[in-house]
Amino acid sequence: MRDIKKLTEFTKNKEHKDREMSLFKNLKKEVEVNANGTREYVIKKGINKGKIAK
């Protein structure tokens, strides 16, 4: 009895995680490379704040 309960619980959790991951993959948007003429990233925090990472 205990084995069946654990197996059904595992499959239920696995299906839930798979459904969640598929939704996450579909909602993720692609980043535009070189959008608006920018190629570098400006560092916003830390010692190198304001520097451009190439």
PDB file of N, CA and C in Angstrom:
ATOM      1  N   MET A   1       0.823  -1.194   0.000  1.00  0.00           N
ATOM      2  CA  MET A   1       0.000   0.000   0.000  1.00  0.00           C
ATOM      3  C   MET A   1       0.868   1.259   0.000  1.00  0.00           C
ATOM      4  N   ARG A   2       1.888   1.261   0.821  1.00  0.00           N
ATOM      5  CA  ARG A   2       2.730   2.444   0.944  1.00  0.00           C
ATOM      6  C   ARG A   2       3.473   2.721  -0.365  1.00  0.00           C
ATOM      7  N   ASP A   3       3.896   1.664  -1.052  1.00  0.00           N
ATOM      8  CA  ASP A   3       4.617   1.842  -2.314  1.00  0.00           C
ATOM      9  C   ASP A   3       3.734   2.504  -3.370  1.00  0.00           C
ATOM     10  N   ILE A   4       2.500   2.071  -3.462  1.00  0.00           N
ATOM     11  CA  ILE A   4       1.586   2.631  -4.455  1.00  0.00           C
ATOM     12  C   ILE A   4       1.331   4.107  -4.164  1.00  0.00           C
ATOM     13  N   LYS A   5       1.187   4.430  -2.894  1.00  0.00           N
ATOM     14  CA  LYS A   5       0.941   5.825  -2.512  1.00  0.00           C
ATOM     15  C   LYS A   5       2.127   6.710  -2.899  1.00  0.00           C
ATOM     16  N   LYS A   6       3.335   6.237  -2.640  1.00  0.00           N
ATOM     17  CA  LYS A   6       4.536   7.004  -2.989  1.00  0.00           C
ATOM     18  C   LYS A   6       4.674   7.153  -4.503  1.00  0.00           C
ATOM     19  N   LEU A   7       4.382   6.079  -5.237  1.00  0.00           N
ATOM     20  CA  LEU A   7       4.486   6.136  -6.696  1.00  0.00           C
ATOM     21  C   LEU A   7       3.473   7.108  -7.296  1.00  0.00           C
ATOM     22  N   THR A   8       2.247   7.078  -6.819  1.00  0.00           N
ATOM     23  CA  THR A   8       1.235   8.005  -7.336  1.00  0.00           C
ATOM     24  C   THR A   8       1.578   9.448  -6.974  1.00  0.00           C
ATOM     25  N   GLU A   9       2.112   9.646  -5.774  1.00  0.00           N
ATOM     26  CA  GLU A   9       2.528  10.988  -5.362  1.00  0.00           C
ATOM     27  C   GLU A   9       3.675  11.495  -6.238  1.00  0.00           C
ATOM     28  N   PHE A  10       4.623  10.604  -6.536  1.00  0.00           N
ATOM     29  CA  PHE A  10       5.753  10.969  -7.391  1.00  0.00           C
ATOM     30  C   PHE A  10       5.283  11.348  -8.791  1.00  0.00           C
ATOM     31  N   THR A  11       4.405  10.553  -9.387  1.00  0.00           N
ATOM     32  CA  THR A  11       3.922  10.850 -10.742  1.00  0.00           C
ATOM     33  C   THR A  11       3.138  12.160 -10.770  1.00  0.00           C
ATOM     34  N   LYS A  12       2.361  12.412  -9.723  1.00  0.00           N
ATOM     35  CA  LYS A  12       1.596  13.651  -9.653  1.00  0.00           C
ATOM     36  C   LYS A  12       2.536  14.855  -9.590  1.00  0.00           C
ATOM     37  N   ASN A  13       3.570  14.763  -8.751  1.00  0.00           N
ATOM     38  CA  ASN A  13       4.541  15.854  -8.643  1.00  0.00           C
ATOM     39  C   ASN A  13       5.316  16.044  -9.943  1.00  0.00           C
ATOM     40  N   LYS A  14       5.681  14.943 -10.588  1.00  0.00           N
ATOM     41  CA  LYS A  14       6.428  15.004 -11.846  1.00  0.00           C
ATOM     42  C   LYS A  14       5.600  15.681 -12.940  1.00  0.00           C
ATOM     43  N   GLU A  15       4.326  15.325 -13.032  1.00  0.00           N
ATOM     44  CA  GLU A  15       3.450  15.939 -14.027  1.00  0.00           C
ATOM     45  C   GLU A  15       3.292  17.432 -13.761  1.00  0.00           C
ATOM     46  N   HIS A  16       3.181  17.789 -12.496  1.00  0.00           N
ATOM     47  CA  HIS A  16       3.045  19.202 -12.124  1.00  0.00           C
ATOM     48  C   HIS A  16       4.294  19.989 -12.513  1.00  0.00           C
ATOM     49  N   LYS A  17       5.475  19.437 -12.232  1.00  0.00           N
ATOM     50  CA  LYS A  17       6.731  20.105 -12.576  1.00  0.00           C
ATOM     51  C   LYS A  17       6.885  20.230 -14.083  1.00  0.00           C
ATOM     52  N   ASP A  18       6.529  19.173 -14.817  1.00  0.00           N
ATOM     53  CA  ASP A  18       6.628  19.211 -16.279  1.00  0.00           C
ATOM     54  C   ASP A  18       5.709  20.281 -16.866  1.00  0.00           C
ATOM     55  N   ARG A  19       4.494  20.372 -16.347  1.00  0.00           N
ATOM     56  CA  ARG A  19       3.534  21.368 -16.815  1.00  0.00           C
ATOM     57  C   ARG A  19       4.053  22.779 -16.523  1.00  0.00           C
ATOM     58  N   GLU A  20       4.600  22.956 -15.327  1.00  0.00           N
ATOM     59  CA  GLU A  20       5.140  24.255 -14.933  1.00  0.00           C
ATOM     60  C   GLU A  20       6.313  24.660 -15.827  1.00  0.00           C
ATOM     61  N   MET A  21       7.212  23.720 -16.114  1.00  0.00           N
ATOM     62  CA  MET A  21       8.370  24.018 -16.956  1.00  0.00           C
ATOM     63  C   MET A  21       7.954  24.332 -18.389  1.00  0.00           C
ATOM     64  N   SER A  22       6.949  23.635 -18.905  1.00  0.00           N
ATOM     65  CA  SER A  22       6.508  23.911 -20.272  1.00  0.00           C
ATOM     66  C   SER A  22       5.885  25.304 -20.364  1.00  0.00           C
ATOM     67  N   LEU A  23       5.149  25.717 -19.338  1.00  0.00           N
ATOM     68  CA  LEU A  23       4.594  27.070 -19.327  1.00  0.00           C
ATOM     69  C   LEU A  23       5.707  28.104 -19.259  1.00  0.00           C
ATOM     70  N   PHE A  24       6.713  27.835 -18.444  1.00  0.00           N
ATOM     71  CA  PHE A  24       7.830  28.761 -18.290  1.00  0.00           C
ATOM     72  C   PHE A  24       8.592  28.909 -19.603  1.00  0.00           C
ATOM     73  N   LYS A  25       8.797  27.800 -20.307  1.00  0.00           N
ATOM     74  CA  LYS A  25       9.514  27.853 -21.583  1.00  0.00           C
ATOM     75  C   LYS A  25       8.747  28.665 -22.614  1.00  0.00           C
ATOM     76  N   ASN A  26       7.429  28.525 -22.625  1.00  0.00           N
ATOM     77  CA  ASN A  26       6.621  29.227 -23.621  1.00  0.00           C
ATOM     78  C   ASN A  26       6.512  30.716 -23.335  1.00  0.00           C
ATOM     79  N   LEU A  27       6.582  31.113 -22.068  1.00  0.00           N
ATOM     80  CA  LEU A  27       6.413  32.516 -21.712  1.00  0.00           C
ATOM     81  C   LEU A  27       7.710  33.308 -21.757  1.00  0.00           C
ATOM     82  N   LYS A  28       8.845  32.620 -21.805  1.00  0.00           N
ATOM     83  CA  LYS A  28      10.138  33.298 -21.808  1.00  0.00           C
ATOM     84  C   LYS A  28      10.346  33.996 -23.152  1.00  0.00           C
ATOM     85  N   LYS A  29      10.757  35.258 -23.105  1.00  0.00           N
ATOM     86  CA  LYS A  29      10.958  36.011 -24.341  1.00  0.00           C
ATOM     87  C   LYS A  29      12.437  36.077 -24.681  1.00  0.00           C
ATOM     88  N   GLU A  30      12.717  36.096 -25.952  1.00  0.00           N
ATOM     89  CA  GLU A  30      14.087  36.155 -26.429  1.00  0.00           C
ATOM     90  C   GLU A  30      14.612  37.587 -26.334  1.00  0.00           C
ATOM     91  N   VAL A  31      15.867  37.714 -25.977  1.00  0.00           N
ATOM     92  CA  VAL A  31      16.507  39.022 -25.867  1.00  0.00           C
ATOM     93  C   VAL A  31      16.954  39.469 -27.245  1.00  0.00           C
ATOM     94  N   GLU A  32      16.698  40.734 -27.565  1.00  0.00           N
ATOM     95  CA  GLU A  32      17.119  41.274 -28.852  1.00  0.00           C
ATOM     96  C   GLU A  32      18.581  41.683 -28.775  1.00  0.00           C
ATOM     97  N   VAL A  33      19.391  41.094 -29.621  1.00  0.00           N
ATOM     98  CA  VAL A  33      20.811  41.413 -29.666  1.00  0.00           C
ATOM     99  C   VAL A  33      20.987  42.687 -30.475  1.00  0.00           C
ATOM    100  N   ASN A  34      21.837  43.578 -29.981  1.00  0.00           N
ATOM    101  CA  ASN A  34      22.120  44.865 -30.627  1.00  0.00           C
ATOM    102  C   ASN A  34      20.870  45.727 -30.795  1.00  0.00           C
ATOM    103  N   ALA A  35      19.932  45.623 -29.882  1.00  0.00           N
ATOM    104  CA  ALA A  35      18.724  46.435 -29.954  1.00  0.00           C
ATOM    105  C   ALA A  35      19.059  47.880 -29.614  1.00  0.00           C
ATOM    106  N   ASN A  36      18.489  48.794 -30.345  1.00  0.00           N
ATOM    107  CA  ASN A  36      18.668  50.233 -30.133  1.00  0.00           C
ATOM    108  C   ASN A  36      20.128  50.653 -30.207  1.00  0.00           C
ATOM    109  N   GLY A  37      20.950  49.943 -30.955  1.00  0.00           N
ATOM    110  CA  GLY A  37      22.339  50.328 -31.156  1.00  0.00           C
ATOM    111  C   GLY A  37      23.274  50.007 -30.009  1.00  0.00           C
ATOM    112  N   THR A  38      22.838  49.221 -29.038  1.00  0.00           N
ATOM    113  CA  THR A  38      23.711  48.896 -27.905  1.00  0.00           C
ATOM    114  C   THR A  38      24.265  47.489 -28.059  1.00  0.00           C
ATOM    115  N   ARG A  39      25.529  47.332 -27.740  1.00  0.00           N
ATOM    116  CA  ARG A  39      26.147  46.010 -27.777  1.00  0.00           C
ATOM    117  C   ARG A  39      26.723  45.645 -26.429  1.00  0.00           C
ATOM    118  N   GLU A  40      26.957  46.625 -25.585  1.00  0.00           N
ATOM    119  CA  GLU A  40      27.596  46.379 -24.305  1.00  0.00           C
ATOM    120  C   GLU A  40      26.571  46.448 -23.176  1.00  0.00           C
ATOM    121  N   TYR A  41      26.992  45.986 -21.999  1.00  0.00           N
ATOM    122  CA  TYR A  41      26.151  46.020 -20.813  1.00  0.00           C
ATOM    123  C   TYR A  41      26.800  46.933 -19.787  1.00  0.00           C
ATOM    124  N   VAL A  42      26.056  47.879 -19.249  1.00  0.00           N
ATOM    125  CA  VAL A  42      26.577  48.796 -18.235  1.00  0.00           C
ATOM    126  C   VAL A  42      26.347  48.173 -16.866  1.00  0.00           C
ATOM    127  N   ILE A  43      27.430  48.029 -16.080  1.00  0.00           N
ATOM    128  CA  ILE A  43      27.346  47.440 -14.746  1.00  0.00           C
ATOM    129  C   ILE A  43      26.689  48.450 -13.814  1.00  0.00           C
ATOM    130  N   LYS A  44      25.694  47.987 -13.035  1.00  0.00           N
ATOM    131  CA  LYS A  44      24.890  48.893 -12.226  1.00  0.00           C
ATOM    132  C   LYS A  44      25.258  48.907 -10.751  1.00  0.00           C
ATOM    133  N   LYS A  45      25.926  47.856 -10.245  1.00  0.00           N
ATOM    134  CA  LYS A  45      26.263  47.781  -8.823  1.00  0.00           C
ATOM    135  C   LYS A  45      27.706  47.342  -8.651  1.00  0.00           C
ATOM    136  N   GLY A  46      28.274  47.654  -7.482  1.00  0.00           N
ATOM    137  CA  GLY A  46      29.609  47.170  -7.161  1.00  0.00           C
ATOM    138  C   GLY A  46      30.700  48.176  -7.473  1.00  0.00           C
ATOM    139  N   ILE A  47      31.934  47.692  -7.392  1.00  0.00           N
ATOM    140  CA  ILE A  47      33.087  48.575  -7.580  1.00  0.00           C
ATOM    141  C   ILE A  47      33.186  49.063  -9.015  1.00  0.00           C
ATOM    142  N   ASN A  48      32.750  48.257  -9.944  1.00  0.00           N
ATOM    143  CA  ASN A  48      32.850  48.605 -11.365  1.00  0.00           C
ATOM    144  C   ASN A  48      31.590  49.291 -11.888  1.00  0.00           C
ATOM    145  N   LYS A  49      30.841  49.939 -10.998  1.00  0.00           N
ATOM    146  CA  LYS A  49      29.592  50.590 -11.377  1.00  0.00           C
ATOM    147  C   LYS A  49      29.850  51.640 -12.452  1.00  0.00           C
ATOM    148  N   GLY A  50      29.044  51.594 -13.501  1.00  0.00           N
ATOM    149  CA  GLY A  50      29.165  52.561 -14.583  1.00  0.00           C
ATOM    150  C   GLY A  50      30.079  52.125 -15.709  1.00  0.00           C
ATOM    151  N   LYS A  51      30.866  51.076 -15.492  1.00  0.00           N
ATOM    152  CA  LYS A  51      31.755  50.591 -16.549  1.00  0.00           C
ATOM    153  C   LYS A  51      30.969  49.741 -17.534  1.00  0.00           C
ATOM    154  N   ILE A  52      31.503  49.640 -18.728  1.00  0.00           N
ATOM    155  CA  ILE A  52      30.843  48.876 -19.779  1.00  0.00           C
ATOM    156  C   ILE A  52      31.511  47.513 -19.904  1.00  0.00           C
ATOM    157  N   ALA A  53      30.704  46.457 -19.795  1.00  0.00           N
ATOM    158  CA  ALA A  53      31.200  45.094 -19.980  1.00  0.00           C
ATOM    159  C   ALA A  53      30.990  44.723 -21.437  1.00  0.00           C
ATOM    160  N   LYS A  54      32.068  44.338 -22.107  1.00  0.00           N
ATOM    161  CA  LYS A  54      31.972  44.011 -23.530  1.00  0.00           C
ATOM    162  C   LYS A  54      31.817  42.538 -23.741  1.00  0.00           C
TER     163      LYS A  54
END
